[in-house]
């Protein structure tokens, strides 16, 4: 029996390399650089947002500080209205205004809110 011999011109080349496309952007270097750029952009936006929030809080605080005299004047007008109404009611009931504290010094009244209908069960 004759020995098998290679074909004339030889065998085809054996493919030992993988036939994959080039890696492109999926190499570790570009991926890490892209992640770092994305993270830096996020930190930039975060710091800007924190500064904006602090500025808005400062503006709110100063707005409240500047509103205090207005709110105090409104409360004072309400106190005067309540005081005059209380004196008129007292004069209607008692016939005259009675000084309770025996002093000319103004004592700020305290108003206690009591419920209208109290049931004792």
Protein backbone atom coordinates (compact mmCIF):
# COMPACT_ATOMS: atom_id res chain seq x y z
CA UNK A 1 0.00 0.00 0.00
CA UNK A 2 1.42 3.32 -0.99
CA UNK A 3 1.92 5.97 1.66
CA UNK A 4 -0.37 8.99 1.67
CA UNK A 5 1.42 12.07 0.57
CA UNK A 6 0.42 15.72 0.89
CA UNK A 7 -1.48 17.14 -2.03
CA UNK A 8 0.42 18.94 -4.71
CA UNK A 9 0.99 22.53 -3.62
CA UNK A 10 0.66 21.63 0.11
CA UNK A 11 -2.10 21.91 2.66
CA UNK A 12 -3.93 25.17 3.39
CA UNK A 13 -2.51 27.30 6.19
CA UNK A 14 -3.77 26.38 9.64
CA UNK A 15 -5.65 29.31 11.21
CA UNK A 16 -4.36 29.69 14.74
CA UNK A 17 -5.22 33.38 15.23
CA UNK A 18 -8.72 34.45 16.34
CA UNK A 19 -10.60 36.32 13.70
CA UNK A 20 -11.91 39.15 15.94
CA UNK A 21 -12.38 42.82 15.08
CA UNK A 22 -9.97 45.37 16.58
CA UNK A 23 -10.81 46.37 20.14
CA UNK A 24 -11.40 50.06 19.43
CA UNK A 25 -12.68 52.01 22.48
CA UNK A 26 -13.09 48.94 24.65
CA UNK A 27 -9.46 48.85 25.70
CA UNK A 28 -8.88 49.50 29.42
CA UNK A 29 -7.17 52.86 28.90
CA UNK A 30 -9.99 54.62 27.04
CA UNK A 31 -12.61 53.06 29.32
CA UNK A 32 -10.87 54.33 32.46
CA UNK A 33 -10.32 57.75 30.88
CA UNK A 34 -13.98 57.96 29.85
CA UNK A 35 -15.12 56.94 33.33
CA UNK A 36 -12.81 59.53 34.91
CA UNK A 37 -14.14 62.28 32.61
CA UNK A 38 -17.72 61.30 33.43
CA UNK A 39 -16.96 61.26 37.15
CA UNK A 40 -15.23 64.65 37.02
CA UNK A 41 -18.23 66.12 35.21
CA UNK A 42 -20.51 64.68 37.91
CA UNK A 43 -18.38 66.18 40.70
CA UNK A 44 -18.39 69.52 38.87
CA UNK A 45 -22.20 69.53 38.68
CA UNK A 46 -22.53 68.35 42.29
CA UNK A 47 -20.30 71.12 43.64
CA UNK A 48 -22.15 73.68 41.54
CA UNK A 49 -25.47 72.41 42.90
CA UNK A 50 -24.24 72.58 46.49
CA UNK A 51 -23.07 76.17 45.97
CA UNK A 52 -26.42 77.09 44.40
CA UNK A 53 -28.31 75.50 47.31
CA UNK A 54 -26.16 77.41 49.83
CA UNK A 55 -26.76 80.67 47.97
CA UNK A 56 -30.52 80.06 47.94
CA UNK A 57 -30.46 79.27 51.67
CA UNK A 58 -28.50 82.48 52.34
CA UNK A 59 -31.00 84.48 50.27
CA UNK A 60 -33.91 82.91 52.15
CA UNK A 61 -32.30 83.72 55.50
CA UNK A 62 -31.75 87.37 54.55
CA UNK A 63 -35.32 87.62 53.24
CA UNK A 64 -36.59 86.39 56.59
CA UNK A 65 -34.31 88.80 58.46
CA UNK A 66 -35.65 91.72 56.42
CA UNK A 67 -39.26 90.61 56.99
CA UNK A 68 -38.94 90.58 60.81
CA UNK A 69 -39.76 94.32 61.29
CA UNK A 70 -42.84 94.01 59.07
CA UNK A 71 -44.09 90.94 60.94
CA UNK A 72 -43.38 92.60 64.30
CA UNK A 73 -45.36 95.70 63.26
CA UNK A 74 -48.25 93.50 62.15
CA UNK A 75 -48.21 91.69 65.48
CA UNK A 76 -48.11 95.01 67.36
CA UNK A 77 -51.13 96.31 65.41
CA UNK A 78 -52.99 93.11 66.25
CA UNK A 79 -52.09 93.51 69.94
CA UNK A 80 -53.36 97.11 69.95
CA UNK A 81 -56.61 96.05 68.25
CA UNK A 82 -57.10 93.24 70.78
CA UNK A 83 -56.27 95.55 73.69
CA UNK A 84 -58.76 98.22 72.58
CA UNK A 85 -61.45 95.60 71.99
CA UNK A 86 -60.74 94.13 75.43
CA UNK A 87 -61.03 97.57 77.06
CA UNK A 88 -64.31 98.25 75.26
CA UNK A 89 -65.70 94.88 76.36
CA UNK A 90 -64.53 95.51 79.92
CA UNK A 91 -66.11 98.97 79.95
CA UNK A 92 -69.37 97.52 78.65
CA UNK A 93 -69.42 94.83 81.35
CA UNK A 94 -68.03 96.76 84.35
CA UNK A 95 -68.90 100.30 83.45
CA UNK A 96 -65.35 101.57 83.85
CA UNK A 97 -61.75 100.53 83.15
CA UNK A 98 -60.15 99.01 86.23
CA UNK A 99 -56.39 98.94 86.63
CA UNK A 100 -55.36 95.47 87.68
CA UNK A 101 -51.65 96.00 88.24
CA UNK A 102 -51.82 99.40 90.04
CA UNK A 103 -49.13 100.76 87.74
CA UNK A 104 -48.88 102.96 84.66
CA UNK A 105 -46.44 100.56 83.06
CA UNK A 106 -47.86 98.61 80.12
CA UNK A 107 -48.09 94.88 80.73
CA UNK A 108 -48.48 92.83 77.61
CA UNK A 109 -51.61 90.72 77.92
CA UNK A 110 -51.49 86.99 77.51
CA UNK A 111 -54.30 85.42 75.58
CA UNK A 112 -55.11 81.84 76.35
CA UNK A 113 -57.17 80.05 73.74
CA UNK A 114 -59.87 77.98 75.35
CA UNK A 115 -62.26 75.67 73.52
CA UNK A 116 -65.84 76.89 73.17
CA UNK A 117 -67.63 73.66 74.10
CA UNK A 118 -66.08 71.68 76.91
CA UNK A 119 -67.91 68.51 77.82
CA UNK A 120 -67.27 66.80 81.15
CA UNK A 121 -67.68 63.11 80.56
